[in-house]
């Protein structure tokens, strides 16, 4: 008799455990699963203040650069060795660079302009759109075009500026990481603000 009672008790416990497991399985199966949206690391951009490039220029070398503009105090100017007056504007906190090149104009303005446009539209297959914005400051002899390359492009923003007779300046923004317009949006917006500041304050010094 005791054996039967003990056997029945064990059988009841097993049945109870199985019932609980089945109940939990049914409840979990009835719940609708909602996937969480993909998240990105929070990027904090620094506050912005500007100085004149001509002040920084005096600390670079004996070269007298033929251009000047408002430069972010969060950036470092690094001369490039390819040609005279070429520079990189590097942002250490963002690991991003504005690559700047300069060419004197010798009856080759059309060629320089076409090269700049070709460089912009080289990213066309990756861009969702490339809106353009013209800048004209006749009193400063500054004429240029700003290009926003929207989408997952290697360069998010580019522009060129010329006085149409003597000078041609081109710049492009790059981040040192795989392009992702969603995760890098704060950086792109920050650098675009600096690019616009460069264009609006740009002037020739020669």
C-alpha atoms as a PDB file:
ATOM      1  CA  UNK A   1       0.000   0.000   0.000  1.00  0.00           C
ATOM      2  CA  UNK A   2       2.756   2.434   0.921  1.00  0.00           C
ATOM      3  CA  UNK A   3       4.564   1.622  -2.315  1.00  0.00           C
ATOM      4  CA  UNK A   4       1.451   2.396  -4.328  1.00  0.00           C
ATOM      5  CA  UNK A   5       0.960   5.689  -2.475  1.00  0.00           C
ATOM      6  CA  UNK A   6       4.584   6.648  -3.028  1.00  0.00           C
ATOM      7  CA  UNK A   7       4.353   5.693  -6.688  1.00  0.00           C
ATOM      8  CA  UNK A   8       1.166   7.662  -7.132  1.00  0.00           C
ATOM      9  CA  UNK A   9       2.722  10.707  -5.399  1.00  0.00           C
ATOM     10  CA  UNK A  10       5.743  10.652  -7.699  1.00  0.00           C
ATOM     11  CA  UNK A  11       3.482  10.218 -10.706  1.00  0.00           C
ATOM     12  CA  UNK A  12       1.436  13.262  -9.628  1.00  0.00           C
ATOM     13  CA  UNK A  13       4.545  15.433  -9.246  1.00  0.00           C
ATOM     14  CA  UNK A  14       5.777  14.447 -12.704  1.00  0.00           C
ATOM     15  CA  UNK A  15       2.359  15.186 -14.208  1.00  0.00           C
ATOM     16  CA  UNK A  16       2.275  18.558 -12.439  1.00  0.00           C
ATOM     17  CA  UNK A  17       5.730  19.490 -13.781  1.00  0.00           C
ATOM     18  CA  UNK A  18       4.751  18.470 -17.295  1.00  0.00           C
ATOM     19  CA  UNK A  19       1.563  20.495 -17.068  1.00  0.00           C
ATOM     20  CA  UNK A  20       3.500  23.604 -15.995  1.00  0.00           C
ATOM     21  CA  UNK A  21       5.973  23.189 -18.864  1.00  0.00           C
ATOM     22  CA  UNK A  22       3.162  22.764 -21.392  1.00  0.00           C
ATOM     23  CA  UNK A  23       1.394  25.846 -20.018  1.00  0.00           C
ATOM     24  CA  UNK A  24       4.551  27.940 -20.273  1.00  0.00           C
ATOM     25  CA  UNK A  25       5.134  26.711 -23.829  1.00  0.00           C
ATOM     26  CA  UNK A  26       1.587  27.634 -24.846  1.00  0.00           C
ATOM     27  CA  UNK A  27       1.866  31.075 -23.292  1.00  0.00           C
ATOM     28  CA  UNK A  28       5.228  31.779 -24.954  1.00  0.00           C
ATOM     29  CA  UNK A  29       3.883  30.627 -28.327  1.00  0.00           C
ATOM     30  CA  UNK A  30       0.852  32.876 -28.084  1.00  0.00           C
ATOM     31  CA  UNK A  31       2.899  36.049 -27.494  1.00  0.00           C
ATOM     32  CA  UNK A  32       3.690  38.156 -30.569  1.00  0.00           C
ATOM     33  CA  UNK A  33       7.405  38.830 -30.977  1.00  0.00           C
ATOM     34  CA  UNK A  34       8.284  42.436 -31.758  1.00  0.00           C
ATOM     35  CA  UNK A  35      11.832  42.901 -33.096  1.00  0.00           C
ATOM     36  CA  UNK A  36      13.770  45.815 -31.663  1.00  0.00           C
ATOM     37  CA  UNK A  37      15.065  48.456 -34.067  1.00  0.00           C
ATOM     38  CA  UNK A  38      18.785  48.349 -34.810  1.00  0.00           C
ATOM     39  CA  UNK A  39      20.642  50.765 -32.552  1.00  0.00           C
ATOM     40  CA  UNK A  40      23.765  52.843 -33.049  1.00  0.00           C
ATOM     41  CA  UNK A  41      26.357  54.151 -30.646  1.00  0.00           C
ATOM     42  CA  UNK A  42      25.651  57.660 -29.461  1.00  0.00           C
ATOM     43  CA  UNK A  43      28.063  60.147 -31.079  1.00  0.00           C
ATOM     44  CA  UNK A  44      28.676  63.369 -29.196  1.00  0.00           C
ATOM     45  CA  UNK A  45      29.997  66.196 -31.350  1.00  0.00           C
ATOM     46  CA  UNK A  46      32.045  69.027 -29.805  1.00  0.00           C
ATOM     47  CA  UNK A  47      31.007  72.647 -29.506  1.00  0.00           C
ATOM     48  CA  UNK A  48      32.168  74.834 -32.366  1.00  0.00           C
ATOM     49  CA  UNK A  49      34.276  77.977 -32.369  1.00  0.00           C
ATOM     50  CA  UNK A  50      36.176  79.428 -35.301  1.00  0.00           C
ATOM     51  CA  UNK A  51      39.467  81.137 -36.008  1.00  0.00           C
ATOM     52  CA  UNK A  52      40.974  82.608 -39.161  1.00  0.00           C
ATOM     53  CA  UNK A  53      43.002  80.226 -41.308  1.00  0.00           C
ATOM     54  CA  UNK A  54      45.528  83.004 -41.934  1.00  0.00           C
ATOM     55  CA  UNK A  55      46.446  82.880 -38.233  1.00  0.00           C
ATOM     56  CA  UNK A  56      47.019  79.120 -38.421  1.00  0.00           C
ATOM     57  CA  UNK A  57      48.860  79.600 -41.712  1.00  0.00           C
ATOM     58  CA  UNK A  58      51.515  81.739 -40.030  1.00  0.00           C
ATOM     59  CA  UNK A  59      52.305  78.779 -37.765  1.00  0.00           C
ATOM     60  CA  UNK A  60      52.478  76.162 -40.524  1.00  0.00           C
ATOM     61  CA  UNK A  61      55.443  77.203 -42.606  1.00  0.00           C
ATOM     62  CA  UNK A  62      56.924  80.079 -44.586  1.00  0.00           C
ATOM     63  CA  UNK A  63      54.385  79.421 -47.366  1.00  0.00           C
ATOM     64  CA  UNK A  64      51.926  82.218 -47.927  1.00  0.00           C
ATOM     65  CA  UNK A  65      48.681  80.462 -48.798  1.00  0.00           C
ATOM     66  CA  UNK A  66      46.602  82.137 -51.524  1.00  0.00           C
ATOM     67  CA  UNK A  67      43.338  81.577 -49.653  1.00  0.00           C
ATOM     68  CA  UNK A  68      41.774  81.991 -46.219  1.00  0.00           C
ATOM     69  CA  UNK A  69      38.549  81.038 -44.451  1.00  0.00           C
ATOM     70  CA  UNK A  70      37.038  80.481 -41.011  1.00  0.00           C
ATOM     71  CA  UNK A  71      38.536  77.342 -39.489  1.00  0.00           C
ATOM     72  CA  UNK A  72      37.099  75.277 -36.640  1.00  0.00           C
ATOM     73  CA  UNK A  73      39.202  75.375 -33.488  1.00  0.00           C
ATOM     74  CA  UNK A  74      38.475  71.651 -33.091  1.00  0.00           C
ATOM     75  CA  UNK A  75      40.464  70.901 -36.253  1.00  0.00           C
ATOM     76  CA  UNK A  76      44.165  70.521 -37.014  1.00  0.00           C
ATOM     77  CA  UNK A  77      45.637  71.722 -40.322  1.00  0.00           C
ATOM     78  CA  UNK A  78      48.153  69.326 -41.859  1.00  0.00           C
ATOM     79  CA  UNK A  79      50.059  70.417 -44.988  1.00  0.00           C
ATOM     80  CA  UNK A  80      50.137  67.868 -47.797  1.00  0.00           C
ATOM     81  CA  UNK A  81      53.169  67.126 -49.902  1.00  0.00           C
ATOM     82  CA  UNK A  82      51.561  66.435 -53.295  1.00  0.00           C
ATOM     83  CA  UNK A  83      51.476  70.061 -54.424  1.00  0.00           C
ATOM     84  CA  UNK A  84      51.887  73.542 -52.911  1.00  0.00           C
ATOM     85  CA  UNK A  85      49.006  74.832 -50.780  1.00  0.00           C
ATOM     86  CA  UNK A  86      47.321  71.431 -50.421  1.00  0.00           C
ATOM     87  CA  UNK A  87      46.135  70.695 -46.867  1.00  0.00           C
ATOM     88  CA  UNK A  88      44.126  68.255 -44.763  1.00  0.00           C
ATOM     89  CA  UNK A  89      41.830  69.608 -42.062  1.00  0.00           C
ATOM     90  CA  UNK A  90      41.686  66.832 -39.467  1.00  0.00           C
ATOM     91  CA  UNK A  91      39.168  66.489 -36.594  1.00  0.00           C
ATOM     92  CA  UNK A  92      40.757  64.259 -33.905  1.00  0.00           C
ATOM     93  CA  UNK A  93      37.574  63.828 -31.846  1.00  0.00           C
ATOM     94  CA  UNK A  94      35.604  62.675 -34.913  1.00  0.00           C
ATOM     95  CA  UNK A  95      38.409  60.929 -36.834  1.00  0.00           C
ATOM     96  CA  UNK A  96      37.288  62.823 -39.931  1.00  0.00           C
ATOM     97  CA  UNK A  97      39.181  64.855 -42.528  1.00  0.00           C
ATOM     98  CA  UNK A  98      38.428  67.590 -45.039  1.00  0.00           C
ATOM     99  CA  UNK A  99      40.848  67.053 -47.931  1.00  0.00           C
ATOM    100  CA  UNK A 100      41.675  70.352 -49.626  1.00  0.00           C
ATOM    101  CA  UNK A 101      43.541  70.908 -52.891  1.00  0.00           C
ATOM    102  CA  UNK A 102      44.502  74.033 -54.793  1.00  0.00           C
ATOM    103  CA  UNK A 103      45.365  74.617 -58.435  1.00  0.00           C
ATOM    104  CA  UNK A 104      46.406  77.803 -60.206  1.00  0.00           C
ATOM    105  CA  UNK A 105      44.280  78.566 -63.249  1.00  0.00           C
ATOM    106  CA  UNK A 106      46.187  78.838 -66.547  1.00  0.00           C
ATOM    107  CA  UNK A 107      43.491  78.889 -69.234  1.00  0.00           C
ATOM    108  CA  UNK A 108      42.305  75.504 -67.891  1.00  0.00           C
ATOM    109  CA  UNK A 109      39.289  76.431 -65.772  1.00  0.00           C
ATOM    110  CA  UNK A 110      36.982  74.158 -67.742  1.00  0.00           C
ATOM    111  CA  UNK A 111      39.310  71.175 -67.275  1.00  0.00           C
ATOM    112  CA  UNK A 112      39.627  71.808 -63.525  1.00  0.00           C
ATOM    113  CA  UNK A 113      35.856  72.148 -63.173  1.00  0.00           C
ATOM    114  CA  UNK A 114      35.207  68.931 -65.107  1.00  0.00           C
ATOM    115  CA  UNK A 115      37.742  67.069 -62.950  1.00  0.00           C
ATOM    116  CA  UNK A 116      36.005  68.299 -59.789  1.00  0.00           C
ATOM    117  CA  UNK A 117      32.587  67.260 -61.112  1.00  0.00           C
ATOM    118  CA  UNK A 118      33.909  63.846 -62.126  1.00  0.00           C
ATOM    119  CA  UNK A 119      35.275  63.379 -58.617  1.00  0.00           C
ATOM    120  CA  UNK A 120      31.877  64.249 -57.125  1.00  0.00           C
ATOM    121  CA  UNK A 121      29.832  61.989 -59.379  1.00  0.00           C
ATOM    122  CA  UNK A 122      32.220  59.101 -58.940  1.00  0.00           C
ATOM    123  CA  UNK A 123      30.079  58.373 -55.863  1.00  0.00           C
ATOM    124  CA  UNK A 124      26.804  58.660 -57.793  1.00  0.00           C
ATOM    125  CA  UNK A 125      26.101  54.912 -57.744  1.00  0.00           C
ATOM    126  CA  UNK A 126      26.148  54.929 -53.921  1.00  0.00           C
ATOM    127  CA  UNK A 127      24.317  58.234 -53.404  1.00  0.00           C
ATOM    128  CA  UNK A 128      20.544  58.420 -53.090  1.00  0.00           C
ATOM    129  CA  UNK A 129      20.738  62.008 -54.379  1.00  0.00           C
ATOM    130  CA  UNK A 130      23.320  64.770 -54.892  1.00  0.00           C
ATOM    131  CA  UNK A 131      21.702  68.168 -54.382  1.00  0.00           C
ATOM    132  CA  UNK A 132      23.813  71.171 -55.426  1.00  0.00           C
ATOM    133  CA  UNK A 133      23.987  74.662 -53.982  1.00  0.00           C
ATOM    134  CA  UNK A 134      25.676  77.560 -55.777  1.00  0.00           C
ATOM    135  CA  UNK A 135      27.614  80.316 -54.018  1.00  0.00           C
ATOM    136  CA  UNK A 136      28.403  83.642 -55.629  1.00  0.00           C
ATOM    137  CA  UNK A 137      30.271  86.476 -53.910  1.00  0.00           C
ATOM    138  CA  UNK A 138      31.343  88.794 -56.747  1.00  0.00           C
ATOM    139  CA  UNK A 139      32.870  91.356 -54.379  1.00  0.00           C
ATOM    140  CA  UNK A 140      35.308  88.666 -53.154  1.00  0.00           C
ATOM    141  CA  UNK A 141      35.602  86.965 -56.563  1.00  0.00           C
ATOM    142  CA  UNK A 142      34.357  83.754 -55.021  1.00  0.00           C
ATOM    143  CA  UNK A 143      32.192  81.455 -57.157  1.00  0.00           C
ATOM    144  CA  UNK A 144      31.510  77.905 -56.107  1.00  0.00           C
ATOM    145  CA  UNK A 145      29.220  74.893 -55.862  1.00  0.00           C
ATOM    146  CA  UNK A 146      28.508  72.766 -52.780  1.00  0.00           C
ATOM    147  CA  UNK A 147      27.462  69.119 -53.237  1.00  0.00           C
ATOM    148  CA  UNK A 148      25.674  67.054 -50.578  1.00  0.00           C
ATOM    149  CA  UNK A 149      26.150  63.362 -51.288  1.00  0.00           C
ATOM    150  CA  UNK A 150      23.228  61.730 -49.525  1.00  0.00           C
ATOM    151  CA  UNK A 151      23.343  58.030 -48.720  1.00  0.00           C
ATOM    152  CA  UNK A 152      26.153  55.622 -47.842  1.00  0.00           C
ATOM    153  CA  UNK A 153      28.891  57.393 -49.783  1.00  0.00           C
ATOM    154  CA  UNK A 154      32.587  57.567 -48.950  1.00  0.00           C
ATOM    155  CA  UNK A 155      32.451  61.375 -49.049  1.00  0.00           C
ATOM    156  CA  UNK A 156      29.372  63.086 -47.618  1.00  0.00           C
ATOM    157  CA  UNK A 157      30.050  66.641 -48.786  1.00  0.00           C
ATOM    158  CA  UNK A 158      32.249  68.324 -51.408  1.00  0.00           C
ATOM    159  CA  UNK A 159      32.677  71.751 -52.933  1.00  0.00           C
ATOM    160  CA  UNK A 160      34.866  73.733 -55.289  1.00  0.00           C
ATOM    161  CA  UNK A 161      35.555  77.460 -55.446  1.00  0.00           C
ATOM    162  CA  UNK A 162      37.235  79.618 -58.080  1.00  0.00           C
ATOM    163  CA  UNK A 163      37.720  83.262 -59.014  1.00  0.00           C
ATOM    164  CA  UNK A 164      37.466  82.096 -62.671  1.00  0.00           C
ATOM    165  CA  UNK A 165      40.838  83.591 -63.643  1.00  0.00           C
ATOM    166  CA  UNK A 166      43.658  82.666 -61.234  1.00  0.00           C
ATOM    167  CA  UNK A 167      42.611  80.240 -58.487  1.00  0.00           C
ATOM    168  CA  UNK A 168      40.776  76.923 -58.086  1.00  0.00           C
ATOM    169  CA  UNK A 169      40.142  75.309 -54.683  1.00  0.00           C
ATOM    170  CA  UNK A 170      38.424  71.979 -53.991  1.00  0.00           C
ATOM    171  CA  UNK A 171      37.491  70.186 -50.747  1.00  0.00           C
ATOM    172  CA  UNK A 172      35.880  66.870 -49.789  1.00  0.00           C
ATOM    173  CA  UNK A 173      34.854  65.343 -46.463  1.00  0.00           C
ATOM    174  CA  UNK A 174      35.819  61.809 -45.398  1.00  0.00           C
ATOM    175  CA  UNK A 175      35.315  59.832 -42.185  1.00  0.00           C
ATOM    176  CA  UNK A 176      37.831  57.137 -41.300  1.00  0.00           C
ATOM    177  CA  UNK A 177      35.246  54.343 -41.039  1.00  0.00           C
ATOM    178  CA  UNK A 178      32.822  52.418 -43.263  1.00  0.00           C
ATOM    179  CA  UNK A 179      30.157  54.816 -44.598  1.00  0.00           C
ATOM    180  CA  UNK A 180      26.807  54.581 -42.851  1.00  0.00           C
ATOM    181  CA  UNK A 181      24.576  57.619 -43.261  1.00  0.00           C
ATOM    182  CA  UNK A 182      22.328  56.660 -40.321  1.00  0.00           C
ATOM    183  CA  UNK A 183      24.974  56.110 -37.662  1.00  0.00           C
ATOM    184  CA  UNK A 184      27.212  58.963 -38.873  1.00  0.00           C
ATOM    185  CA  UNK A 185      24.425  61.526 -39.290  1.00  0.00           C
ATOM    186  CA  UNK A 186      25.590  63.688 -36.306  1.00  0.00           C
ATOM    187  CA  UNK A 187      29.146  63.781 -37.697  1.00  0.00           C
ATOM    188  CA  UNK A 188      27.985  64.554 -41.241  1.00  0.00           C
ATOM    189  CA  UNK A 189      25.764  67.392 -40.021  1.00  0.00           C
ATOM    190  CA  UNK A 190      28.558  68.811 -37.876  1.00  0.00           C
ATOM    191  CA  UNK A 191      31.090  68.747 -40.717  1.00  0.00           C
ATOM    192  CA  UNK A 192      28.582  70.160 -43.193  1.00  0.00           C
ATOM    193  CA  UNK A 193      28.121  73.168 -40.915  1.00  0.00           C
ATOM    194  CA  UNK A 194      31.891  73.726 -40.954  1.00  0.00           C
ATOM    195  CA  UNK A 195      31.997  73.297 -44.739  1.00  0.00           C
ATOM    196  CA  UNK A 196      29.300  75.929 -45.211  1.00  0.00           C
ATOM    197  CA  UNK A 197      31.221  78.236 -42.862  1.00  0.00           C
ATOM    198  CA  UNK A 198      34.346  77.708 -44.966  1.00  0.00           C
ATOM    199  CA  UNK A 199      32.514  78.576 -48.186  1.00  0.00           C
ATOM    200  CA  UNK A 200      30.717  81.620 -46.791  1.00  0.00           C
ATOM    201  CA  UNK A 201      33.930  83.096 -45.342  1.00  0.00           C
ATOM    202  CA  UNK A 202      36.269  82.048 -48.158  1.00  0.00           C
ATOM    203  CA  UNK A 203      38.530  84.706 -49.664  1.00  0.00           C
ATOM    204  CA  UNK A 204      41.610  84.912 -51.845  1.00  0.00           C
ATOM    205  CA  UNK A 205      44.720  86.456 -50.326  1.00  0.00           C
ATOM    206  CA  UNK A 206      46.689  86.892 -53.550  1.00  0.00           C
END
